[in-house]
């Protein structure tokens, strides 16, 4: 899609969100998991939105086509 739509000025990016998203619904549905994860182990919704805004605002000379989001406190 990026190759087809890029010349028309349409920025196509693939974003992998690999982690639990910190939201009220997540905290209500998975309270034990949230507790066990600890600090910095869930993805902040504002930070996710910021990445999408950064991709949207990129100059055409340096477009991102793929990004992976993972929390810094991820346990391997």
N, C-alpha and C. Protein backbone atom coordinates (compact mmCIF):
# COMPACT_ATOMS: atom_id res chain seq x y z
N UNK A 1 0.82 -1.19 0.00
CA UNK A 1 0.00 0.00 0.00
C UNK A 1 0.87 1.25 0.00
N UNK A 2 1.98 1.22 0.75
CA UNK A 2 2.84 2.40 0.81
C UNK A 2 3.39 2.75 -0.56
N UNK A 3 3.80 1.76 -1.32
CA UNK A 3 4.34 2.02 -2.66
C UNK A 3 3.27 2.53 -3.62
N UNK A 4 2.07 2.02 -3.47
CA UNK A 4 0.98 2.43 -4.35
C UNK A 4 0.44 3.81 -3.99
N UNK A 5 0.29 4.10 -2.69
CA UNK A 5 -0.36 5.33 -2.26
C UNK A 5 0.61 6.47 -1.95
N UNK A 6 1.88 6.15 -1.71
CA UNK A 6 2.88 7.17 -1.40
C UNK A 6 2.98 8.27 -2.43
N UNK A 7 3.03 7.93 -3.73
CA UNK A 7 3.13 8.99 -4.74
C UNK A 7 1.95 9.97 -4.73
N UNK A 8 0.82 9.53 -4.18
CA UNK A 8 -0.35 10.41 -4.07
C UNK A 8 -0.32 11.22 -2.77
N UNK A 9 0.79 11.09 -2.01
CA UNK A 9 0.92 11.86 -0.77
C UNK A 9 0.26 11.20 0.43
N UNK A 10 -0.13 9.93 0.29
CA UNK A 10 -0.76 9.22 1.40
C UNK A 10 0.30 8.41 2.12
N UNK A 11 0.48 8.70 3.40
CA UNK A 11 1.49 8.04 4.22
C UNK A 11 0.88 6.78 4.84
N UNK A 12 1.39 5.63 4.47
CA UNK A 12 0.93 4.35 5.01
C UNK A 12 2.00 3.84 5.96
N UNK A 13 1.61 3.47 7.17
CA UNK A 13 2.54 2.93 8.15
C UNK A 13 1.92 1.75 8.87
N UNK A 14 2.73 0.78 9.19
CA UNK A 14 2.31 -0.40 9.95
C UNK A 14 2.84 -0.23 11.37
N UNK A 15 1.94 -0.21 12.35
CA UNK A 15 2.34 -0.02 13.74
C UNK A 15 1.96 -1.26 14.54
N UNK A 16 2.96 -1.89 15.16
CA UNK A 16 2.73 -3.05 16.01
C UNK A 16 2.63 -2.56 17.45
N UNK A 17 1.52 -2.84 18.09
CA UNK A 17 1.34 -2.48 19.50
C UNK A 17 1.43 -3.78 20.27
N UNK A 18 2.61 -4.05 20.81
CA UNK A 18 2.92 -5.33 21.43
C UNK A 18 3.00 -5.18 22.94
N UNK A 19 1.84 -5.18 23.57
CA UNK A 19 1.80 -5.07 25.02
C UNK A 19 0.41 -4.72 25.49
N UNK A 20 0.21 -4.79 26.78
CA UNK A 20 -1.08 -4.47 27.36
C UNK A 20 -1.23 -2.95 27.40
N UNK A 21 -2.36 -2.47 26.94
CA UNK A 21 -2.62 -1.03 26.91
C UNK A 21 -3.26 -0.62 28.23
N UNK A 22 -2.71 0.41 28.85
CA UNK A 22 -3.19 0.90 30.14
C UNK A 22 -4.46 1.72 29.94
N UNK A 23 -5.59 1.10 30.26
CA UNK A 23 -6.87 1.79 30.14
C UNK A 23 -7.76 1.33 31.30
N UNK A 24 -8.84 2.05 31.52
CA UNK A 24 -9.78 1.67 32.58
C UNK A 24 -10.36 0.29 32.30
N UNK A 25 -10.66 0.00 31.05
CA UNK A 25 -11.22 -1.30 30.70
C UNK A 25 -10.22 -2.43 30.97
N UNK A 26 -8.96 -2.20 30.63
CA UNK A 26 -7.93 -3.21 30.89
C UNK A 26 -7.78 -3.44 32.38
N UNK A 27 -7.72 -2.37 33.15
CA UNK A 27 -7.55 -2.49 34.60
C UNK A 27 -8.74 -3.19 35.25
N UNK A 28 -9.96 -2.96 34.73
CA UNK A 28 -11.16 -3.61 35.28
C UNK A 28 -11.21 -5.09 34.90
N UNK A 29 -10.81 -5.40 33.68
CA UNK A 29 -10.92 -6.78 33.19
C UNK A 29 -9.78 -7.68 33.67
N UNK A 30 -8.58 -7.14 33.84
CA UNK A 30 -7.41 -7.94 34.21
C UNK A 30 -6.69 -7.37 35.43
N UNK A 31 -7.37 -7.20 36.57
CA UNK A 31 -6.72 -6.54 37.71
C UNK A 31 -5.49 -7.30 38.24
N UNK A 32 -5.53 -8.62 38.25
CA UNK A 32 -4.38 -9.38 38.74
C UNK A 32 -3.18 -9.22 37.82
N UNK A 33 -3.42 -9.26 36.53
CA UNK A 33 -2.33 -9.12 35.56
C UNK A 33 -1.71 -7.72 35.65
N UNK A 34 -2.56 -6.71 35.78
CA UNK A 34 -2.07 -5.33 35.91
C UNK A 34 -1.21 -5.20 37.16
N UNK A 35 -1.66 -5.77 38.26
CA UNK A 35 -0.90 -5.72 39.51
C UNK A 35 0.46 -6.42 39.36
N UNK A 36 0.46 -7.57 38.70
CA UNK A 36 1.70 -8.35 38.54
C UNK A 36 2.69 -7.70 37.57
N UNK A 37 2.20 -6.90 36.65
CA UNK A 37 3.08 -6.28 35.65
C UNK A 37 4.04 -5.27 36.27
N UNK A 38 3.56 -4.49 37.19
CA UNK A 38 4.41 -3.48 37.81
C UNK A 38 4.52 -2.21 36.98
N UNK A 39 5.36 -1.30 37.46
CA UNK A 39 5.52 0.01 36.81
C UNK A 39 6.15 -0.12 35.44
N UNK A 40 5.75 0.72 34.53
CA UNK A 40 6.30 0.81 33.18
C UNK A 40 6.14 -0.47 32.36
N UNK A 41 5.16 -1.29 32.69
CA UNK A 41 4.97 -2.54 31.96
C UNK A 41 3.72 -2.54 31.11
N UNK A 42 3.03 -1.39 31.06
CA UNK A 42 1.86 -1.26 30.19
C UNK A 42 2.04 -0.03 29.31
N UNK A 43 1.42 -0.07 28.17
CA UNK A 43 1.54 1.03 27.21
C UNK A 43 0.53 2.13 27.53
N UNK A 44 1.02 3.33 27.69
CA UNK A 44 0.19 4.50 27.98
C UNK A 44 -0.54 4.94 26.71
N UNK A 45 -1.84 5.19 26.82
CA UNK A 45 -2.62 5.58 25.65
C UNK A 45 -2.14 6.90 25.05
N UNK A 46 -1.72 7.83 25.89
CA UNK A 46 -1.20 9.10 25.38
C UNK A 46 0.09 8.92 24.60
N UNK A 47 0.94 8.00 25.05
CA UNK A 47 2.19 7.72 24.34
C UNK A 47 1.92 7.07 22.99
N UNK A 48 0.92 6.20 22.94
CA UNK A 48 0.54 5.58 21.66
C UNK A 48 0.05 6.65 20.70
N UNK A 49 -0.82 7.52 21.20
CA UNK A 49 -1.34 8.61 20.37
C UNK A 49 -0.22 9.51 19.88
N UNK A 50 0.77 9.78 20.73
CA UNK A 50 1.90 10.62 20.35
C UNK A 50 2.67 10.02 19.19
N UNK A 51 2.88 8.71 19.20
CA UNK A 51 3.58 8.07 18.09
C UNK A 51 2.80 8.26 16.79
N UNK A 52 1.50 8.06 16.83
CA UNK A 52 0.70 8.24 15.61
C UNK A 52 0.75 9.69 15.14
N UNK A 53 0.75 10.64 16.07
CA UNK A 53 0.87 12.04 15.68
C UNK A 53 2.23 12.31 15.03
N UNK A 54 3.29 11.75 15.61
CA UNK A 54 4.62 11.93 15.05
C UNK A 54 4.70 11.37 13.62
N UNK A 55 4.11 10.21 13.41
CA UNK A 55 4.09 9.62 12.06
C UNK A 55 3.32 10.54 11.11
N UNK A 56 2.19 11.04 11.58
CA UNK A 56 1.36 11.94 10.75
C UNK A 56 2.13 13.22 10.36
N UNK A 57 2.93 13.73 11.28
CA UNK A 57 3.60 15.01 11.07
C UNK A 57 4.97 14.90 10.38
N UNK A 58 5.39 13.70 10.05
CA UNK A 58 6.72 13.53 9.45
C UNK A 58 6.82 14.21 8.09
N UNK A 59 7.98 14.77 7.81
CA UNK A 59 8.19 15.32 6.47
C UNK A 59 8.27 14.18 5.45
N UNK A 60 7.84 14.45 4.25
CA UNK A 60 7.82 13.42 3.20
C UNK A 60 9.20 12.87 2.89
N UNK A 61 10.24 13.61 3.21
CA UNK A 61 11.60 13.15 2.91
C UNK A 61 12.10 12.07 3.86
N UNK A 62 11.36 11.82 4.94
CA UNK A 62 11.81 10.82 5.93
C UNK A 62 10.61 10.15 6.60
N UNK A 63 9.83 9.43 5.83
CA UNK A 63 8.65 8.76 6.36
C UNK A 63 9.02 7.45 7.06
N UNK A 64 8.34 7.18 8.15
CA UNK A 64 8.42 5.88 8.83
C UNK A 64 7.35 4.98 8.22
N UNK A 65 7.73 3.75 7.91
CA UNK A 65 6.76 2.82 7.36
C UNK A 65 6.38 1.72 8.35
N UNK A 66 7.20 1.54 9.40
CA UNK A 66 6.89 0.53 10.39
C UNK A 66 7.43 0.95 11.76
N UNK A 67 6.65 0.70 12.80
CA UNK A 67 7.08 1.00 14.16
C UNK A 67 6.56 -0.09 15.09
N UNK A 68 7.36 -0.45 16.09
CA UNK A 68 6.97 -1.42 17.12
C UNK A 68 6.91 -0.70 18.46
N UNK A 69 5.80 -0.83 19.15
CA UNK A 69 5.66 -0.24 20.48
C UNK A 69 5.64 -1.35 21.51
N UNK A 70 6.53 -1.25 22.48
CA UNK A 70 6.57 -2.19 23.60
C UNK A 70 6.89 -1.39 24.86
N UNK A 71 6.33 -1.81 25.99
CA UNK A 71 6.63 -1.07 27.23
C UNK A 71 8.08 -1.33 27.68
N UNK A 72 8.66 -0.33 28.33
CA UNK A 72 10.05 -0.47 28.79
C UNK A 72 10.18 -1.50 29.90
N UNK A 73 9.12 -1.73 30.65
CA UNK A 73 9.17 -2.68 31.76
C UNK A 73 8.79 -4.09 31.36
N UNK A 74 8.83 -4.38 30.09
CA UNK A 74 8.46 -5.72 29.58
C UNK A 74 9.38 -6.78 30.18
N UNK A 75 8.79 -7.89 30.62
CA UNK A 75 9.57 -9.01 31.15
C UNK A 75 9.76 -10.03 30.03
N UNK A 76 10.99 -10.45 29.84
CA UNK A 76 11.28 -11.42 28.78
C UNK A 76 11.40 -12.81 29.35
